[in-house]
Amino acid sequence: MDNIVIGITYSLFAGLFITLQSVFNTRISDKVGLWETTVIVHVVGLIFGLLMTIIVGKGSFKDIGQVNKIYLIGGVLGVMIVYSVMIGITSLGASLSIAIVVTTQLIFATIVDSFGLFGSPQIEFNFTKFLGILIMIIGIIIFKSK
């Protein structure tokens, strides 16, 4: 498979996994609480991540000192993502909350690409990107209207 097909396939899986995880996490939080669910989710994720590292991992932790320290807050961001999505789904429902999350991700990913932030290759921002984002925002407004 070429890189485009692989990228599309894994992106589709990611969308599916994010949606399922968000709904599952919210259901857990209904029973045990928001912060407690965040801890449970990350402990289970840590165990799974360690198992996958042992089974299929090809990297090494030995060069972690060479990583830009700001990138290490990814774990904190992960905790905030899980917590925020649970609140969003509880308040708005899964579909509207995820629509807002995805649109926000696209807006900030476009900013990262446009300015080449965090070592990303710079990708030109043009009218079609602006129009795509605008259509998504209008779509959320239409989706929300009764």
C-alpha atoms as a PDB file:
ATOM      1  CA  MET A   1       0.000   0.000   0.000  1.00  0.00           C
ATOM      2  CA  ASP A   2       1.198   3.491  -0.695  1.00  0.00           C
ATOM      3  CA  ASN A   3       1.523   6.153   1.981  1.00  0.00           C
ATOM      4  CA  ILE A   4      -1.735   7.912   1.082  1.00  0.00           C
ATOM      5  CA  VAL A   5      -3.809   4.744   1.460  1.00  0.00           C
ATOM      6  CA  ILE A   6      -2.025   3.874   4.714  1.00  0.00           C
ATOM      7  CA  GLY A   7      -2.545   7.420   6.021  1.00  0.00           C
ATOM      8  CA  ILE A   8      -6.226   7.454   5.124  1.00  0.00           C
ATOM      9  CA  THR A   9      -6.795   3.982   6.593  1.00  0.00           C
ATOM     10  CA  TYR A  10      -5.144   4.805   9.917  1.00  0.00           C
ATOM     11  CA  SER A  11      -6.886   8.191  10.064  1.00  0.00           C
ATOM     12  CA  LEU A  12     -10.244   6.455   9.636  1.00  0.00           C
ATOM     13  CA  PHE A  13      -9.338   4.013  12.410  1.00  0.00           C
ATOM     14  CA  ALA A  14      -8.272   6.942  14.612  1.00  0.00           C
ATOM     15  CA  GLY A  15     -11.620   8.649  14.076  1.00  0.00           C
ATOM     16  CA  LEU A  16     -13.431   5.452  15.010  1.00  0.00           C
ATOM     17  CA  PHE A  17     -11.217   4.823  18.063  1.00  0.00           C
ATOM     18  CA  ILE A  18     -11.491   8.428  19.302  1.00  0.00           C
ATOM     19  CA  THR A  19     -15.278   8.330  19.071  1.00  0.00           C
ATOM     20  CA  LEU A  20     -15.572   4.959  20.812  1.00  0.00           C
ATOM     21  CA  GLN A  21     -13.050   5.924  23.487  1.00  0.00           C
ATOM     22  CA  SER A  22     -14.858   9.189  24.148  1.00  0.00           C
ATOM     23  CA  VAL A  23     -18.248   7.544  24.580  1.00  0.00           C
ATOM     24  CA  PHE A  24     -16.848   4.638  26.635  1.00  0.00           C
ATOM     25  CA  ASN A  25     -14.947   7.044  28.900  1.00  0.00           C
ATOM     26  CA  THR A  26     -18.075   9.118  29.452  1.00  0.00           C
ATOM     27  CA  ARG A  27     -20.059   6.010  30.421  1.00  0.00           C
ATOM     28  CA  ILE A  28     -17.342   4.997  32.909  1.00  0.00           C
ATOM     29  CA  SER A  29     -17.333   8.523  34.351  1.00  0.00           C
ATOM     30  CA  ASP A  30     -21.083   8.276  34.960  1.00  0.00           C
ATOM     31  CA  LYS A  31     -20.281   5.569  37.517  1.00  0.00           C
ATOM     32  CA  VAL A  32     -16.879   6.460  38.978  1.00  0.00           C
ATOM     33  CA  GLY A  33     -16.275  10.176  38.307  1.00  0.00           C
ATOM     34  CA  LEU A  34     -14.394  12.257  35.734  1.00  0.00           C
ATOM     35  CA  TRP A  35     -10.895  12.371  37.213  1.00  0.00           C
ATOM     36  CA  GLU A  36     -11.132   8.773  38.348  1.00  0.00           C
ATOM     37  CA  THR A  37     -12.032   7.723  34.802  1.00  0.00           C
ATOM     38  CA  THR A  38      -9.118   9.735  33.448  1.00  0.00           C
ATOM     39  CA  VAL A  39      -6.750   7.796  35.715  1.00  0.00           C
ATOM     40  CA  ILE A  40      -8.332   4.433  34.818  1.00  0.00           C
ATOM     41  CA  VAL A  41      -8.134   5.161  31.087  1.00  0.00           C
ATOM     42  CA  HIS A  42      -4.478   6.165  31.250  1.00  0.00           C
ATOM     43  CA  VAL A  43      -3.448   3.223  33.448  1.00  0.00           C
ATOM     44  CA  VAL A  44      -5.143   0.795  31.044  1.00  0.00           C
ATOM     45  CA  GLY A  45      -3.526   2.662  28.135  1.00  0.00           C
ATOM     46  CA  LEU A  46      -0.115   2.464  29.831  1.00  0.00           C
ATOM     47  CA  ILE A  47      -0.453  -1.290  30.270  1.00  0.00           C
ATOM     48  CA  PHE A  48      -1.512  -1.739  26.632  1.00  0.00           C
ATOM     49  CA  GLY A  49       1.259   0.580  25.428  1.00  0.00           C
ATOM     50  CA  LEU A  50       3.878  -1.356  27.396  1.00  0.00           C
ATOM     51  CA  LEU A  51       2.613  -4.658  25.986  1.00  0.00           C
ATOM     52  CA  MET A  52       2.709  -3.298  22.428  1.00  0.00           C
ATOM     53  CA  THR A  53       6.216  -1.952  23.020  1.00  0.00           C
ATOM     54  CA  ILE A  54       7.369  -5.378  24.172  1.00  0.00           C
ATOM     55  CA  ILE A  55       5.626  -7.206  21.316  1.00  0.00           C
ATOM     56  CA  VAL A  56       6.196  -4.928  18.306  1.00  0.00           C
ATOM     57  CA  GLY A  57       8.250  -1.950  19.519  1.00  0.00           C
ATOM     58  CA  LYS A  58      11.257  -1.031  17.375  1.00  0.00           C
ATOM     59  CA  GLY A  59      12.366   2.170  19.060  1.00  0.00           C
ATOM     60  CA  SER A  60      14.355   2.849  22.189  1.00  0.00           C
ATOM     61  CA  PHE A  61      13.847   4.912  25.327  1.00  0.00           C
ATOM     62  CA  LYS A  62      17.584   5.611  25.606  1.00  0.00           C
ATOM     63  CA  ASP A  63      17.422   8.836  23.546  1.00  0.00           C
ATOM     64  CA  ILE A  64      14.563  10.421  25.497  1.00  0.00           C
ATOM     65  CA  GLY A  65      17.002  13.041  26.771  1.00  0.00           C
ATOM     66  CA  GLN A  66      17.354  14.369  23.227  1.00  0.00           C
ATOM     67  CA  VAL A  67      13.637  15.081  22.902  1.00  0.00           C
ATOM     68  CA  ASN A  68      12.540  18.719  23.133  1.00  0.00           C
ATOM     69  CA  LYS A  69      11.166  18.980  26.683  1.00  0.00           C
ATOM     70  CA  ILE A  70       7.974  20.781  25.582  1.00  0.00           C
ATOM     71  CA  TYR A  71       6.901  17.641  23.711  1.00  0.00           C
ATOM     72  CA  LEU A  72       6.830  15.704  26.984  1.00  0.00           C
ATOM     73  CA  ILE A  73       3.674  17.561  28.049  1.00  0.00           C
ATOM     74  CA  GLY A  74       1.836  15.295  25.598  1.00  0.00           C
ATOM     75  CA  GLY A  75       0.865  13.116  28.558  1.00  0.00           C
ATOM     76  CA  VAL A  76      -0.657  16.099  30.372  1.00  0.00           C
ATOM     77  CA  LEU A  77      -2.486  17.057  27.190  1.00  0.00           C
ATOM     78  CA  GLY A  78      -3.777  13.471  26.940  1.00  0.00           C
ATOM     79  CA  VAL A  79      -5.254  13.742  30.424  1.00  0.00           C
ATOM     80  CA  MET A  80      -6.861  17.080  29.573  1.00  0.00           C
ATOM     81  CA  ILE A  81      -8.238  15.658  26.298  1.00  0.00           C
ATOM     82  CA  VAL A  82      -9.911  12.704  28.022  1.00  0.00           C
ATOM     83  CA  TYR A  83     -11.367  14.946  30.729  1.00  0.00           C
ATOM     84  CA  SER A  84     -12.559  17.648  28.297  1.00  0.00           C
ATOM     85  CA  VAL A  85     -14.172  15.195  25.884  1.00  0.00           C
ATOM     86  CA  MET A  86     -16.109  13.521  28.722  1.00  0.00           C
ATOM     87  CA  ILE A  87     -17.472  16.913  29.824  1.00  0.00           C
ATOM     88  CA  GLY A  88     -18.311  17.804  26.205  1.00  0.00           C
ATOM     89  CA  ILE A  89     -20.194  14.564  25.570  1.00  0.00           C
ATOM     90  CA  THR A  90     -22.022  14.786  28.894  1.00  0.00           C
ATOM     91  CA  SER A  91     -23.086  18.368  28.098  1.00  0.00           C
ATOM     92  CA  LEU A  92     -23.745  18.202  24.335  1.00  0.00           C
ATOM     93  CA  GLY A  93     -24.073  14.552  23.353  1.00  0.00           C
ATOM     94  CA  ALA A  94     -21.519  12.521  21.415  1.00  0.00           C
ATOM     95  CA  SER A  95     -22.169  13.736  17.871  1.00  0.00           C
ATOM     96  CA  LEU A  96     -22.124  17.485  18.501  1.00  0.00           C
ATOM     97  CA  SER A  97     -19.210  17.276  20.916  1.00  0.00           C
ATOM     98  CA  ILE A  98     -17.099  15.188  18.522  1.00  0.00           C
ATOM     99  CA  ALA A  99     -18.016  17.503  15.614  1.00  0.00           C
ATOM    100  CA  ILE A 100     -16.697  20.474  17.590  1.00  0.00           C
ATOM    101  CA  VAL A 101     -13.584  18.534  18.638  1.00  0.00           C
ATOM    102  CA  VAL A 102     -12.793  17.518  15.042  1.00  0.00           C
ATOM    103  CA  THR A 103     -13.345  21.045  13.702  1.00  0.00           C
ATOM    104  CA  THR A 104     -11.152  22.506  16.443  1.00  0.00           C
ATOM    105  CA  GLN A 105      -8.465  19.920  15.653  1.00  0.00           C
ATOM    106  CA  LEU A 106      -8.585  20.904  11.980  1.00  0.00           C
ATOM    107  CA  ILE A 107      -8.287  24.611  12.791  1.00  0.00           C
ATOM    108  CA  PHE A 108      -5.278  24.139  15.068  1.00  0.00           C
ATOM    109  CA  ALA A 109      -3.663  21.550  12.765  1.00  0.00           C
ATOM    110  CA  THR A 110      -3.978  24.108   9.957  1.00  0.00           C
ATOM    111  CA  ILE A 111      -2.244  26.702  12.137  1.00  0.00           C
ATOM    112  CA  VAL A 112       0.557  24.208  12.895  1.00  0.00           C
ATOM    113  CA  ASP A 113       0.923  23.387   9.185  1.00  0.00           C
ATOM    114  CA  SER A 114       0.691  27.002   8.000  1.00  0.00           C
ATOM    115  CA  PHE A 115       3.446  28.211  10.312  1.00  0.00           C
ATOM    116  CA  GLY A 116       5.478  24.991  10.391  1.00  0.00           C
ATOM    117  CA  LEU A 117       5.212  24.870  14.181  1.00  0.00           C
ATOM    118  CA  PHE A 118       6.913  22.240  16.359  1.00  0.00           C
ATOM    119  CA  GLY A 119       9.197  21.073  13.566  1.00  0.00           C
ATOM    120  CA  SER A 120       6.338  20.295  11.169  1.00  0.00           C
ATOM    121  CA  PRO A 121       6.830  20.994   7.476  1.00  0.00           C
ATOM    122  CA  GLN A 122       5.205  24.265   6.469  1.00  0.00           C
ATOM    123  CA  ILE A 123       2.110  23.808   4.276  1.00  0.00           C
ATOM    124  CA  GLU A 124       0.632  26.849   2.568  1.00  0.00           C
ATOM    125  CA  PHE A 125      -2.695  28.144   3.868  1.00  0.00           C
ATOM    126  CA  ASN A 126      -4.954  28.988   0.967  1.00  0.00           C
ATOM    127  CA  PHE A 127      -8.550  29.834   0.194  1.00  0.00           C
ATOM    128  CA  THR A 128      -9.653  26.204  -0.129  1.00  0.00           C
ATOM    129  CA  LYS A 129      -8.401  25.429   3.385  1.00  0.00           C
ATOM    130  CA  PHE A 130     -10.222  28.498   4.723  1.00  0.00           C
ATOM    131  CA  LEU A 131     -13.383  27.478   2.853  1.00  0.00           C
ATOM    132  CA  GLY A 132     -13.187  23.902   4.166  1.00  0.00           C
ATOM    133  CA  ILE A 133     -12.942  25.107   7.763  1.00  0.00           C
ATOM    134  CA  LEU A 134     -15.785  27.581   7.224  1.00  0.00           C
ATOM    135  CA  ILE A 135     -17.987  24.838   5.773  1.00  0.00           C
ATOM    136  CA  MET A 136     -17.271  22.637   8.815  1.00  0.00           C
ATOM    137  CA  ILE A 137     -18.239  25.469  11.183  1.00  0.00           C
ATOM    138  CA  ILE A 138     -21.423  26.135   9.209  1.00  0.00           C
ATOM    139  CA  GLY A 139     -22.090  22.387   9.278  1.00  0.00           C
ATOM    140  CA  ILE A 140     -21.914  22.358  13.073  1.00  0.00           C
ATOM    141  CA  ILE A 141     -24.355  25.282  13.242  1.00  0.00           C
ATOM    142  CA  ILE A 142     -26.754  23.472  10.883  1.00  0.00           C
ATOM    143  CA  PHE A 143     -26.256  20.190  12.769  1.00  0.00           C
ATOM    144  CA  LYS A 144     -27.089  21.903  16.072  1.00  0.00           C
ATOM    145  CA  SER A 145     -30.152  23.754  14.769  1.00  0.00           C
ATOM    146  CA  LYS A 146     -33.526  22.144  15.400  1.00  0.00           C
END
